[in-house]
Amino acid sequence: MLGTTFGFVVFLGFLLFAVNVAVGLYARSTATAIVFDQARQLAQRGAVCPTTATEQAVVGRLNAWWRQTRVAATCDGEVAVVRVDASSSRSLLPAALLRPTRLAEFHRTFTVRIEAPR
């Protein structure tokens, strides 16, 4: 009976870890798509480069899952760059397990070339 209980608890621990990883991968994938979409839209505007609006749009869309979101958007006429650093406070795992593994952090930089029709 004790062995079965211990095995069940270990199984639940692995299941919890697997669910946390799956949800984290989904959140990262969605955040990556959001940031890339905003970088692409920023590059499509060409000479008009509203970096503040882009930064606010990214933060507004990412704050549902990611906390402490820092966004920097720049344009130099050739490329549009959007850099995002965020951390998540939402997790199924205890914070002591997340810190050493950096599972709760998100860092992305997208560089999109600005193209103008000739």
C-alpha atoms as a PDB file:
ATOM      1  CA  MET A   1       0.000   0.000   0.000  1.00  0.00           C
ATOM      2  CA  LEU A   2       2.824   2.422   0.847  1.00  0.00           C
ATOM      3  CA  GLY A   3       4.631   1.631  -2.404  1.00  0.00           C
ATOM      4  CA  THR A   4       1.501   2.243  -4.451  1.00  0.00           C
ATOM      5  CA  THR A   5       0.868   5.578  -2.730  1.00  0.00           C
ATOM      6  CA  PHE A   6       4.473   6.677  -3.246  1.00  0.00           C
ATOM      7  CA  GLY A   7       4.342   5.649  -6.911  1.00  0.00           C
ATOM      8  CA  PHE A   8       1.101   7.544  -7.411  1.00  0.00           C
ATOM      9  CA  VAL A   9       2.567  10.699  -5.836  1.00  0.00           C
ATOM     10  CA  VAL A  10       5.654  10.454  -8.074  1.00  0.00           C
ATOM     11  CA  PHE A  11       3.392   9.953 -11.111  1.00  0.00           C
ATOM     12  CA  LEU A  12       1.374  13.050 -10.194  1.00  0.00           C
ATOM     13  CA  GLY A  13       4.613  15.022  -9.793  1.00  0.00           C
ATOM     14  CA  PHE A  14       5.770  14.066 -13.284  1.00  0.00           C
ATOM     15  CA  LEU A  15       2.324  14.791 -14.686  1.00  0.00           C
ATOM     16  CA  LEU A  16       2.314  18.238 -13.077  1.00  0.00           C
ATOM     17  CA  PHE A  17       5.752  18.964 -14.515  1.00  0.00           C
ATOM     18  CA  ALA A  18       4.679  17.808 -18.002  1.00  0.00           C
ATOM     19  CA  VAL A  19       1.543  19.971 -17.925  1.00  0.00           C
ATOM     20  CA  ASN A  20       3.596  22.968 -16.776  1.00  0.00           C
ATOM     21  CA  VAL A  21       6.077  22.482 -19.621  1.00  0.00           C
ATOM     22  CA  ALA A  22       3.262  22.108 -22.177  1.00  0.00           C
ATOM     23  CA  VAL A  23       1.481  25.256 -20.996  1.00  0.00           C
ATOM     24  CA  GLY A  24       4.788  27.148 -20.899  1.00  0.00           C
ATOM     25  CA  LEU A  25       5.633  26.112 -24.465  1.00  0.00           C
ATOM     26  CA  TYR A  26       2.184  27.209 -25.619  1.00  0.00           C
ATOM     27  CA  ALA A  27       2.616  30.589 -23.895  1.00  0.00           C
ATOM     28  CA  ARG A  28       6.073  31.086 -25.455  1.00  0.00           C
ATOM     29  CA  SER A  29       4.823  30.136 -28.901  1.00  0.00           C
ATOM     30  CA  THR A  30       1.902  32.541 -28.654  1.00  0.00           C
ATOM     31  CA  ALA A  31       4.120  35.341 -27.343  1.00  0.00           C
ATOM     32  CA  THR A  32       6.607  34.746 -30.161  1.00  0.00           C
ATOM     33  CA  ALA A  33       3.800  35.022 -32.724  1.00  0.00           C
ATOM     34  CA  ILE A  34       2.529  38.244 -31.136  1.00  0.00           C
ATOM     35  CA  VAL A  35       5.949  39.895 -31.101  1.00  0.00           C
ATOM     36  CA  PHE A  36       6.781  38.804 -34.661  1.00  0.00           C
ATOM     37  CA  ASP A  37       3.429  40.121 -35.890  1.00  0.00           C
ATOM     38  CA  GLN A  38       4.055  43.501 -34.262  1.00  0.00           C
ATOM     39  CA  ALA A  39       7.603  43.654 -35.690  1.00  0.00           C
ATOM     40  CA  ARG A  40       6.262  42.866 -39.165  1.00  0.00           C
ATOM     41  CA  GLN A  41       3.589  45.553 -38.844  1.00  0.00           C
ATOM     42  CA  LEU A  42       6.204  48.043 -37.661  1.00  0.00           C
ATOM     43  CA  ALA A  43       8.372  47.291 -40.704  1.00  0.00           C
ATOM     44  CA  GLN A  44       5.404  47.639 -43.084  1.00  0.00           C
ATOM     45  CA  ARG A  45       4.866  51.227 -41.975  1.00  0.00           C
ATOM     46  CA  GLY A  46       8.215  52.149 -43.557  1.00  0.00           C
ATOM     47  CA  ALA A  47       9.280  55.735 -42.921  1.00  0.00           C
ATOM     48  CA  VAL A  48       6.607  56.275 -40.268  1.00  0.00           C
ATOM     49  CA  CYS A  49       7.861  54.263 -37.334  1.00  0.00           C
ATOM     50  CA  PRO A  50       5.471  54.432 -34.328  1.00  0.00           C
ATOM     51  CA  THR A  51       7.658  52.574 -31.825  1.00  0.00           C
ATOM     52  CA  THR A  52       5.655  53.713 -28.800  1.00  0.00           C
ATOM     53  CA  ALA A  53       2.423  52.354 -30.238  1.00  0.00           C
ATOM     54  CA  THR A  54       4.147  49.066 -31.048  1.00  0.00           C
ATOM     55  CA  GLU A  55       5.573  48.787 -27.538  1.00  0.00           C
ATOM     56  CA  GLN A  56       2.169  49.471 -25.987  1.00  0.00           C
ATOM     57  CA  ALA A  57       0.483  46.935 -28.276  1.00  0.00           C
ATOM     58  CA  VAL A  58       2.994  44.210 -27.371  1.00  0.00           C
ATOM     59  CA  VAL A  59       2.745  44.888 -23.636  1.00  0.00           C
ATOM     60  CA  GLY A  60      -1.049  45.001 -23.827  1.00  0.00           C
ATOM     61  CA  ARG A  61      -1.262  41.639 -25.572  1.00  0.00           C
ATOM     62  CA  LEU A  62       1.420  39.876 -23.499  1.00  0.00           C
ATOM     63  CA  ASN A  63       0.251  40.996 -20.056  1.00  0.00           C
ATOM     64  CA  ALA A  64      -2.407  38.285 -19.989  1.00  0.00           C
ATOM     65  CA  TRP A  65       0.275  35.695 -19.210  1.00  0.00           C
ATOM     66  CA  TRP A  66       3.646  37.420 -18.907  1.00  0.00           C
ATOM     67  CA  ARG A  67       4.420  39.834 -16.096  1.00  0.00           C
ATOM     68  CA  GLN A  68       7.208  42.409 -15.893  1.00  0.00           C
ATOM     69  CA  THR A  69       7.199  42.819 -19.660  1.00  0.00           C
ATOM     70  CA  ARG A  70       9.881  45.120 -21.087  1.00  0.00           C
ATOM     71  CA  VAL A  71       9.656  46.020 -24.777  1.00  0.00           C
ATOM     72  CA  ALA A  72      12.046  48.078 -26.889  1.00  0.00           C
ATOM     73  CA  ALA A  73      11.144  48.869 -30.502  1.00  0.00           C
ATOM     74  CA  THR A  74      13.473  50.761 -32.829  1.00  0.00           C
ATOM     75  CA  CYS A  75      13.610  51.678 -36.511  1.00  0.00           C
ATOM     76  CA  ASP A  76      16.558  53.039 -38.456  1.00  0.00           C
ATOM     77  CA  GLY A  77      15.195  53.171 -41.991  1.00  0.00           C
ATOM     78  CA  GLU A  78      16.694  49.785 -42.929  1.00  0.00           C
ATOM     79  CA  VAL A  79      15.318  47.478 -40.239  1.00  0.00           C
ATOM     80  CA  ALA A  80      12.707  47.429 -37.499  1.00  0.00           C
ATOM     81  CA  VAL A  81      13.791  45.727 -34.281  1.00  0.00           C
ATOM     82  CA  VAL A  82      11.499  44.614 -31.459  1.00  0.00           C
ATOM     83  CA  ARG A  83      13.094  43.168 -28.309  1.00  0.00           C
ATOM     84  CA  VAL A  84      10.997  41.659 -25.513  1.00  0.00           C
ATOM     85  CA  ASP A  85      12.073  40.514 -22.064  1.00  0.00           C
ATOM     86  CA  ALA A  86       9.360  39.134 -19.809  1.00  0.00           C
ATOM     87  CA  SER A  87       8.834  36.862 -16.867  1.00  0.00           C
ATOM     88  CA  SER A  88       5.767  34.937 -15.820  1.00  0.00           C
ATOM     89  CA  SER A  89       4.407  34.641 -12.327  1.00  0.00           C
ATOM     90  CA  ARG A  90       1.911  31.987 -13.399  1.00  0.00           C
ATOM     91  CA  SER A  91       3.059  28.426 -13.044  1.00  0.00           C
ATOM     92  CA  LEU A  92       1.931  25.132 -11.664  1.00  0.00           C
ATOM     93  CA  LEU A  93       5.369  24.533 -10.165  1.00  0.00           C
ATOM     94  CA  PRO A  94       6.709  26.133  -6.996  1.00  0.00           C
ATOM     95  CA  ALA A  95       8.856  29.234  -7.482  1.00  0.00           C
ATOM     96  CA  ALA A  96      11.880  27.447  -6.003  1.00  0.00           C
ATOM     97  CA  LEU A  97      11.875  25.047  -8.974  1.00  0.00           C
ATOM     98  CA  LEU A  98      11.380  27.768 -11.584  1.00  0.00           C
ATOM     99  CA  ARG A  99      14.254  30.079 -10.645  1.00  0.00           C
ATOM    100  CA  PRO A 100      17.179  27.749 -11.357  1.00  0.00           C
ATOM    101  CA  THR A 101      15.680  26.446 -14.617  1.00  0.00           C
ATOM    102  CA  ARG A 102      14.594  29.853 -15.984  1.00  0.00           C
ATOM    103  CA  LEU A 103      11.314  28.341 -17.176  1.00  0.00           C
ATOM    104  CA  ALA A 104       9.477  31.526 -16.251  1.00  0.00           C
ATOM    105  CA  GLU A 105      11.576  33.847 -18.471  1.00  0.00           C
ATOM    106  CA  PHE A 106      11.003  34.919 -22.057  1.00  0.00           C
ATOM    107  CA  HIS A 107      13.556  36.757 -24.231  1.00  0.00           C
ATOM    108  CA  ARG A 108      13.057  37.428 -27.937  1.00  0.00           C
ATOM    109  CA  THR A 109      14.513  39.851 -30.476  1.00  0.00           C
ATOM    110  CA  PHE A 110      12.995  40.202 -33.942  1.00  0.00           C
ATOM    111  CA  THR A 111      14.692  42.119 -36.733  1.00  0.00           C
ATOM    112  CA  VAL A 112      12.582  42.736 -39.831  1.00  0.00           C
ATOM    113  CA  ARG A 113      13.896  44.516 -42.917  1.00  0.00           C
ATOM    114  CA  ILE A 114      11.909  47.534 -44.072  1.00  0.00           C
ATOM    115  CA  GLU A 115      11.144  47.236 -47.762  1.00  0.00           C
ATOM    116  CA  ALA A 116       9.723  49.996 -49.903  1.00  0.00           C
ATOM    117  CA  PRO A 117       8.114  49.497 -53.307  1.00  0.00           C
ATOM    118  CA  ARG A 118      10.093  50.917 -56.226  1.00  0.00           C
END
